Amino acid sequence: MLVRISTSFHPSFSFPPQHPNAQSITLTFTPTPSQSYSGLSGIDANWSTIVAWSSNRLFIAGYTYGLSEETSWTELNIRERVDGIERVVLCKSDGGVLGYLMDARAVVRSMLIHEKDVELRDPLVDGDGVTLQAKTVAVSMTTVALLDHNGKIFTAPIGEKRATKLQYPRKLSKLCAGFSHFLSIDERGDVVSWGNGLHGQLGHGTREVSSDPRPIDALSGLRVIGIACGGLHSTVLLEGGILYTFGSSSDGQLGRRDEKDEDGEEVNYAVPGLCALEFEPDDEVEVLGGWYETVVAKRNKGKCEIYACGRAVMGLDVALRDDRATVGAQWKRIRDPEGREIWEDPVLVAAGGGHVVFLTKPSSTNGS
């Protein structure tokens, strides 16, 4: 398996190495005769760490707790038996907890790392101490959120096991998290948001904090099929490949250049607005939110195209300029490791802190 990373520019981000412009490096799984890295099923990334996993193995690259800066993959030893790895989400903060692991039984536990060993803590439980069964899980800077199979969301401070059920009248489906905000979709198809809205990332037209899930009125009645949280921004995907973004536009991560509206007034980025990125009706579109970027994967007939805007497509020279928001708002197509604009599907994508990670199938030329 192969991982390709479009390079971050941020001076404090030590992995991958710095380049003067947005480029890419390649990390390759190189198994010994007794090892195999086939069957990898997922990846996730935060500011300086990448994880990849299969049903029963977990790999890490980058700088994290107990490990020095690495440019190769390390297999982590999970101290206790795990009934299959379904999903791993990395924490966005440096608080000691690496992230959360959801096993094949839908049980979610926090992970601590000691050198190359992973310690799994007690499962997340509800107010009565009953172990929660997750459909998916997401993590902000301070909070873990779990969506169960009944459409209810439970939240807990990172590192604590007892979770509180959020009050919302309808069942919820998808779930994603930014630095301090969350998005979901209810059974009517309305996008729901809560958390910190100081950058407009909740989409309510204001910059307020909302502790309870609340539908975004501007998107009411639209056929929403996908959501993604960036650090301080949000992306919503409608049926037909139509994109709306809202929140911080500090690095052009909204992919919008509408600094003024039709009346010449400053645009309120706390209100969802259209992106100038178009797709065909039969395209399968996936949206992802990096910390300061938005990533879109378009798939059709075994082929994949990757588009990005924001910090991940900038070079260091652009990142320090006053007009970086305007430059970053220009969508760019990311090439594969051989320089081709069309990727061979399947490809798994994750967006981190100023970089984008791709897990692709082996090619006949890379020998991985």
Protein backbone atom coordinates (compact mmCIF):
# COMPACT_ATOMS: atom_id res chain seq x y z
CA MET A 1 0.00 0.00 0.00
CA LEU A 2 1.10 3.56 -0.72
CA VAL A 3 0.46 6.80 1.08
CA ARG A 4 0.88 10.15 -0.62
CA ILE A 5 0.88 13.43 1.29
CA SER A 6 0.56 16.94 -0.08
CA THR A 7 3.05 18.84 1.99
CA SER A 8 2.16 21.15 4.83
CA PHE A 9 3.91 24.47 5.04
CA HIS A 10 3.36 25.43 8.66
CA PRO A 11 6.70 26.18 10.37
CA SER A 12 5.78 24.29 13.54
CA PHE A 13 4.64 21.20 11.63
CA SER A 14 7.64 18.91 11.37
CA PHE A 15 6.13 16.05 9.40
CA PRO A 16 6.37 15.72 6.47
CA PRO A 17 9.55 17.73 5.66
CA GLN A 18 9.23 21.31 4.49
CA HIS A 19 9.11 22.22 0.82
CA PRO A 20 8.96 25.71 -0.69
CA ASN A 21 5.72 24.91 -2.55
CA ALA A 22 2.83 22.52 -2.13
CA GLN A 23 4.36 19.22 -3.16
CA SER A 24 4.04 15.60 -2.17
CA ILE A 25 6.13 12.86 -0.65
CA THR A 26 5.47 9.16 -0.69
CA LEU A 27 5.56 6.74 2.22
CA THR A 28 5.56 3.11 1.19
CA PHE A 29 4.73 0.03 3.21
CA THR A 30 7.71 -2.29 2.68
CA PRO A 31 6.84 -5.66 4.23
CA THR A 32 9.39 -8.28 5.14
CA PRO A 33 8.81 -11.81 3.83
CA SER A 34 6.89 -12.65 6.99
CA GLN A 35 4.70 -9.52 6.94
CA SER A 36 1.87 -8.27 4.78
CA TYR A 37 0.22 -4.85 4.77
CA SER A 38 -2.60 -5.87 2.46
CA GLY A 39 -6.17 -5.30 3.53
CA LEU A 40 -5.76 -1.79 4.93
CA SER A 41 -9.24 -0.35 5.27
CA GLY A 42 -8.92 3.18 6.67
CA ILE A 43 -6.75 6.18 7.46
CA ASP A 44 -6.98 9.28 9.64
CA ALA A 45 -4.71 12.27 10.21
CA ASN A 46 -4.26 15.14 12.64
CA TRP A 47 -1.62 17.89 12.87
CA SER A 48 1.46 15.66 12.80
CA THR A 49 0.27 12.06 12.95
CA ILE A 50 -1.23 9.60 10.47
CA VAL A 51 -2.79 6.25 11.33
CA ALA A 52 -3.80 3.43 9.00
CA TRP A 53 -5.54 0.23 9.98
CA SER A 54 -6.82 -3.12 8.83
CA SER A 55 -9.28 -5.34 10.67
CA ASN A 56 -6.71 -6.31 13.29
CA ARG A 57 -3.58 -4.17 12.80
CA LEU A 58 -2.79 -0.52 13.48
CA PHE A 59 0.04 1.53 11.93
CA ILE A 60 1.31 5.01 12.69
CA ALA A 61 3.59 7.55 11.02
CA GLY A 62 4.69 10.99 12.15
CA TYR A 63 5.40 12.52 15.52
CA THR A 64 3.21 11.55 18.44
CA TYR A 65 3.33 10.59 22.10
CA GLY A 66 6.38 8.49 22.91
CA LEU A 67 7.60 8.33 19.31
CA SER A 68 10.23 10.51 17.67
CA GLU A 69 9.69 12.12 14.29
CA GLU A 70 9.30 9.31 11.78
CA THR A 71 9.04 9.21 8.01
CA SER A 72 8.24 5.51 7.95
CA TRP A 73 5.41 3.39 9.28
CA THR A 74 5.45 1.72 12.69
CA GLU A 75 3.06 -1.05 13.67
CA LEU A 76 1.57 -0.44 17.09
CA ASN A 77 1.08 -3.23 19.57
CA ILE A 78 -2.44 -3.21 21.01
CA ARG A 79 -2.00 -4.61 24.50
CA GLU A 80 -5.30 -6.46 24.63
CA ARG A 81 -7.34 -8.47 22.17
CA VAL A 82 -9.55 -6.39 19.88
CA ASP A 83 -12.57 -7.83 18.10
CA GLY A 84 -11.65 -6.21 14.82
CA ILE A 85 -10.90 -2.53 14.12
CA GLU A 86 -13.82 -0.76 12.47
CA ARG A 87 -12.72 2.87 12.79
CA VAL A 88 -9.97 5.00 14.39
CA VAL A 89 -10.22 8.75 14.96
CA LEU A 90 -7.27 10.83 16.14
CA CYS A 91 -7.65 13.58 18.71
CA LYS A 92 -6.97 17.12 17.52
CA SER A 93 -5.31 18.20 20.76
CA ASP A 94 -2.11 17.20 22.53
CA GLY A 95 -3.79 16.04 25.71
CA GLY A 96 -2.33 12.56 26.16
CA VAL A 97 -5.12 10.59 24.48
CA LEU A 98 -4.11 9.53 20.98
CA GLY A 99 -7.65 8.98 19.78
CA TYR A 100 -10.57 6.57 19.86
CA LEU A 101 -10.93 3.06 18.46
CA MET A 102 -14.27 1.56 17.45
CA ASP A 103 -14.17 -2.22 17.22
CA ALA A 104 -16.29 -4.61 15.14
CA ARG A 105 -18.77 -4.90 18.03
CA ALA A 106 -19.34 -1.11 17.79
CA VAL A 107 -17.71 -0.49 21.18
CA VAL A 108 -15.67 2.74 21.43
CA ARG A 109 -12.65 3.15 23.69
CA SER A 110 -9.99 5.82 24.06
CA MET A 111 -6.40 4.96 23.12
CA LEU A 112 -3.23 5.94 24.95
CA ILE A 113 0.17 5.27 23.44
CA HIS A 114 3.29 4.23 25.37
CA GLU A 115 6.25 4.04 23.00
CA LYS A 116 4.90 1.47 20.51
CA ASP A 117 2.20 0.02 22.74
CA VAL A 118 -1.45 1.08 22.66
CA GLU A 119 -3.50 0.96 25.85
CA LEU A 120 -7.26 0.84 25.43
CA ARG A 121 -9.33 2.39 28.22
CA ASP A 122 -12.83 1.43 29.37
CA PRO A 123 -15.63 1.67 26.77
CA LEU A 124 -17.82 4.74 26.51
CA VAL A 125 -21.00 4.27 28.55
CA ASP A 126 -24.26 6.17 28.97
CA GLY A 127 -25.54 7.80 32.15
CA ASP A 128 -26.65 4.42 33.50
CA GLY A 129 -23.27 2.84 32.92
CA VAL A 130 -24.43 0.78 29.91
CA THR A 131 -21.83 0.32 27.19
CA LEU A 132 -22.75 2.36 24.12
CA GLN A 133 -22.97 0.78 20.65
CA ALA A 134 -21.70 3.19 18.01
CA LYS A 135 -22.62 3.73 14.40
CA THR A 136 -19.74 6.19 14.15
CA VAL A 137 -17.60 8.44 16.33
CA ALA A 138 -16.00 11.90 15.96
CA VAL A 139 -13.59 13.93 18.11
CA SER A 140 -13.10 17.69 18.55
CA MET A 141 -10.37 19.40 20.56
CA THR A 142 -12.09 18.65 23.84
CA THR A 143 -15.02 16.32 23.21
CA VAL A 144 -15.76 12.88 21.80
CA ALA A 145 -19.17 12.39 20.19
CA LEU A 146 -20.76 9.00 19.52
CA LEU A 147 -23.72 8.39 17.21
CA ASP A 148 -25.59 5.20 18.10
CA HIS A 149 -27.75 2.98 15.89
CA ASN A 150 -30.92 4.59 17.26
CA GLY A 151 -29.96 7.98 15.86
CA LYS A 152 -28.96 9.47 19.23
CA ILE A 153 -25.73 11.32 19.96
CA PHE A 154 -23.76 11.05 23.19
CA THR A 155 -20.84 13.29 24.13
CA ALA A 156 -18.11 13.16 26.77
CA PRO A 157 -14.94 15.11 27.57
CA ILE A 158 -11.91 13.44 25.99
CA GLY A 159 -10.55 10.78 28.33
CA GLU A 160 -13.76 10.33 30.30
CA LYS A 161 -15.93 7.27 29.77
CA ARG A 162 -19.39 8.45 30.89
CA ALA A 163 -21.25 10.20 28.07
CA THR A 164 -24.33 12.46 28.10
CA LYS A 165 -27.13 12.12 25.56
CA LEU A 166 -27.84 15.27 23.55
CA GLN A 167 -31.45 16.35 23.28
CA TYR A 168 -32.84 16.49 19.75
CA PRO A 169 -36.37 15.54 18.62
CA ARG A 170 -35.45 13.54 15.51
CA LYS A 171 -33.07 10.72 14.67
CA LEU A 172 -29.62 11.71 13.43
CA SER A 173 -27.39 9.93 10.92
CA LYS A 174 -23.94 11.18 9.87
CA LEU A 175 -21.51 12.84 12.30
CA CYS A 176 -18.32 14.91 11.96
CA ALA A 177 -16.26 17.21 14.18
CA GLY A 178 -14.11 20.33 13.85
CA PHE A 179 -11.91 21.97 16.46
CA SER A 180 -14.93 22.78 18.61
CA HIS A 181 -18.08 22.19 16.56
CA PHE A 182 -20.08 19.26 15.21
CA LEU A 183 -22.38 18.58 12.26
CA SER A 184 -24.99 15.87 11.72
CA ILE A 185 -27.99 15.17 9.47
CA ASP A 186 -31.45 14.41 10.85
CA GLU A 187 -34.07 12.04 9.43
CA ARG A 188 -35.76 14.88 7.53
CA GLY A 189 -32.49 15.60 5.75
CA ASP A 190 -31.79 18.83 7.65
CA VAL A 191 -28.19 19.66 8.56
CA VAL A 192 -27.79 20.07 12.32
CA SER A 193 -24.92 21.89 14.05
CA TRP A 194 -23.78 22.69 17.57
CA GLY A 195 -20.72 23.82 19.49
CA ASN A 196 -18.53 26.88 18.99
CA GLY A 197 -19.78 29.17 16.22
CA LEU A 198 -17.43 32.09 16.74
CA HIS A 199 -16.13 31.78 13.17
CA GLY A 200 -19.55 31.16 11.64
CA GLN A 201 -18.91 27.42 11.31
CA LEU A 202 -22.39 26.53 12.61
CA GLY A 203 -24.04 28.14 9.58
CA HIS A 204 -26.74 30.03 11.49
CA GLY A 205 -25.71 33.47 10.23
CA THR A 206 -24.32 34.46 13.62
CA ARG A 207 -21.11 33.85 15.52
CA GLU A 208 -22.61 32.41 18.66
CA VAL A 209 -22.11 29.23 20.67
CA SER A 210 -24.86 26.61 20.65
CA SER A 211 -24.77 23.82 23.21
CA ASP A 212 -27.73 21.98 21.65
CA PRO A 213 -28.07 20.61 18.09
CA ARG A 214 -29.97 23.03 15.88
CA PRO A 215 -31.03 22.79 12.20
CA ILE A 216 -29.39 25.19 9.75
CA ASP A 217 -32.32 27.15 8.33
CA ALA A 218 -30.46 28.28 5.20
CA LEU A 219 -30.15 24.63 4.09
CA SER A 220 -33.68 23.55 5.01
CA GLY A 221 -35.44 21.52 2.34
CA LEU A 222 -32.28 20.75 0.35
CA ARG A 223 -31.30 17.16 -0.41
CA VAL A 224 -28.16 16.84 1.72
CA ILE A 225 -26.06 13.69 1.29
CA GLY A 226 -22.72 14.60 2.88
CA ILE A 227 -21.13 16.76 5.56
CA ALA A 228 -17.56 17.59 6.60
CA CYS A 229 -16.09 19.68 9.40
CA GLY A 230 -12.84 21.54 9.00
CA GLY A 231 -11.09 23.08 11.96
CA LEU A 232 -13.11 26.30 11.86
CA HIS A 233 -15.30 25.75 8.81
CA SER A 234 -17.93 23.37 7.44
CA THR A 235 -18.86 21.82 4.08
CA VAL A 236 -22.22 20.42 3.02
CA LEU A 237 -22.74 18.26 -0.09
CA LEU A 238 -26.10 18.23 -1.84
CA GLU A 239 -27.46 15.65 -4.23
CA GLY A 240 -26.06 16.38 -7.69
CA GLY A 241 -22.63 17.36 -6.35
CA ILE A 242 -23.50 20.89 -5.20
CA LEU A 243 -21.25 22.21 -2.41
CA TYR A 244 -22.00 24.75 0.30
CA THR A 245 -19.34 26.03 2.70
CA PHE A 246 -19.38 28.37 5.70
CA GLY A 247 -17.16 29.46 8.58
CA SER A 248 -13.59 30.75 8.60
CA SER A 249 -12.09 31.75 5.25
CA SER A 250 -8.67 32.70 6.67
CA ASP A 251 -6.77 30.49 4.21
CA GLY A 252 -9.32 30.18 1.42
CA GLN A 253 -10.64 26.90 2.83
CA LEU A 254 -14.22 27.76 1.85
CA GLY A 255 -13.33 27.63 -1.85
CA ARG A 256 -15.34 30.81 -2.38
CA ARG A 257 -14.18 34.15 -3.74
CA ASP A 258 -17.37 36.07 -3.00
CA GLU A 259 -15.88 38.69 -0.71
CA LYS A 260 -18.82 40.99 -1.49
CA ASP A 261 -22.45 40.18 -2.29
CA GLU A 262 -24.57 41.54 -5.15
CA ASP A 263 -25.19 44.77 -3.24
CA GLY A 264 -21.50 45.34 -2.59
CA GLU A 265 -21.74 44.39 1.07
CA GLU A 266 -19.21 42.17 2.82
CA VAL A 267 -20.26 38.52 2.60
CA ASN A 268 -21.35 36.92 5.85
CA TYR A 269 -19.43 33.65 5.83
CA ALA A 270 -21.58 32.44 8.73
CA VAL A 271 -24.28 31.86 6.09
CA PRO A 272 -23.80 28.82 3.79
CA GLY A 273 -22.65 29.83 0.31
CA LEU A 274 -22.12 27.98 -2.97
CA CYS A 275 -18.70 26.78 -4.16
CA ALA A 276 -17.68 27.13 -7.79
CA LEU A 277 -16.98 23.43 -8.23
CA GLU A 278 -19.30 21.46 -10.50
CA PHE A 279 -19.85 17.72 -10.99
CA GLU A 280 -21.84 15.44 -13.26
CA PRO A 281 -25.07 13.83 -11.98
CA ASP A 282 -23.54 10.33 -12.02
CA ASP A 283 -20.36 11.34 -10.13
CA GLU A 284 -19.88 9.91 -6.65
CA VAL A 285 -18.61 12.82 -4.56
CA GLU A 286 -17.01 12.71 -1.11
CA VAL A 287 -16.16 15.80 0.97
CA LEU A 288 -13.55 16.04 3.72
CA GLY A 289 -12.55 18.84 6.03
CA GLY A 290 -8.92 19.42 6.95
CA TRP A 291 -7.94 21.84 9.66
CA TYR A 292 -7.54 24.70 7.18
CA GLU A 293 -8.56 23.08 3.89
CA THR A 294 -11.46 21.43 2.11
CA VAL A 295 -10.92 18.29 0.03
CA VAL A 296 -13.29 16.77 -2.54
CA ALA A 297 -12.93 13.32 -4.09
CA LYS A 298 -14.91 12.68 -7.30
CA ARG A 299 -15.29 9.07 -8.39
CA ASN A 300 -16.72 7.70 -11.62
CA LYS A 301 -16.23 4.31 -13.31
CA GLY A 302 -13.15 3.30 -11.33
CA LYS A 303 -11.43 6.66 -11.72
CA CYS A 304 -10.94 9.30 -9.03
CA GLU A 305 -10.13 13.01 -9.13
CA ILE A 306 -9.03 14.93 -6.00
CA TYR A 307 -9.62 18.67 -5.57
CA ALA A 308 -8.53 20.84 -2.65
CA CYS A 309 -8.53 24.44 -1.54
CA GLY A 310 -7.02 26.17 1.47
CA ARG A 311 -3.76 25.65 3.28
CA ALA A 312 -2.88 22.20 1.92
CA VAL A 313 -2.42 23.51 -1.63
CA MET A 314 -0.24 26.49 -0.69
CA GLY A 315 3.48 26.88 -0.51
CA LEU A 316 5.25 28.55 2.40
CA ASP A 317 5.66 31.78 0.41
CA VAL A 318 1.88 32.04 -0.11
CA ALA A 319 1.02 31.06 3.46
CA LEU A 320 2.76 34.12 4.85
CA ARG A 321 1.10 36.60 2.50
CA ASP A 322 -1.80 38.86 3.41
CA ASP A 323 -3.80 37.67 0.38
CA ARG A 324 -3.52 33.96 1.22
CA ALA A 325 -7.30 33.70 1.66
CA THR A 326 -7.85 34.77 -1.94
CA VAL A 327 -5.10 32.50 -3.28
CA GLY A 328 -6.20 29.53 -1.19
CA ALA A 329 -9.79 29.84 -2.41
CA GLN A 330 -8.72 28.65 -5.85
CA TRP A 331 -9.54 24.95 -6.18
CA LYS A 332 -6.60 22.85 -7.34
CA ARG A 333 -6.49 19.31 -8.62
CA ILE A 334 -4.05 17.06 -6.76
CA ARG A 335 -2.03 14.67 -8.90
CA ASP A 336 -1.22 11.08 -8.03
CA PRO A 337 2.36 9.94 -7.21
CA GLU A 338 3.08 9.44 -10.92
CA GLY A 339 1.91 12.97 -11.73
CA ARG A 340 -1.42 11.95 -13.25
CA GLU A 341 -4.56 13.99 -12.61
CA ILE A 342 -6.75 10.87 -12.65
CA TRP A 343 -6.24 8.45 -9.76
CA GLU A 344 -6.94 4.74 -10.01
CA ASP A 345 -9.75 3.97 -7.58
CA PRO A 346 -10.02 2.77 -4.85
CA VAL A 347 -8.26 5.54 -2.93
CA LEU A 348 -8.94 6.47 0.69
CA VAL A 349 -8.49 10.12 1.62
CA ALA A 350 -7.94 11.91 4.94
CA ALA A 351 -7.29 15.60 5.58
CA GLY A 352 -5.04 16.70 8.43
CA GLY A 353 -3.44 19.94 9.54
CA GLY A 354 -2.29 21.54 6.31
CA HIS A 355 -1.84 18.25 4.47
CA VAL A 356 -3.89 15.60 2.69
CA VAL A 357 -3.24 11.86 2.97
CA PHE A 358 -4.08 9.24 0.34
CA LEU A 359 -4.06 5.49 0.72
CA THR A 360 -3.94 3.89 -2.74
CA LYS A 361 -3.62 0.41 -4.13
CA PRO A 362 -0.12 -0.73 -5.18
CA SER A 363 1.00 0.02 -8.72
CA SER A 364 3.23 -2.12 -10.85
CA THR A 365 5.99 0.48 -10.65
CA ASN A 366 6.36 1.26 -6.96
CA GLY A 367 7.00 -2.29 -5.79
CA SER A 368 4.99 -1.86 -2.58
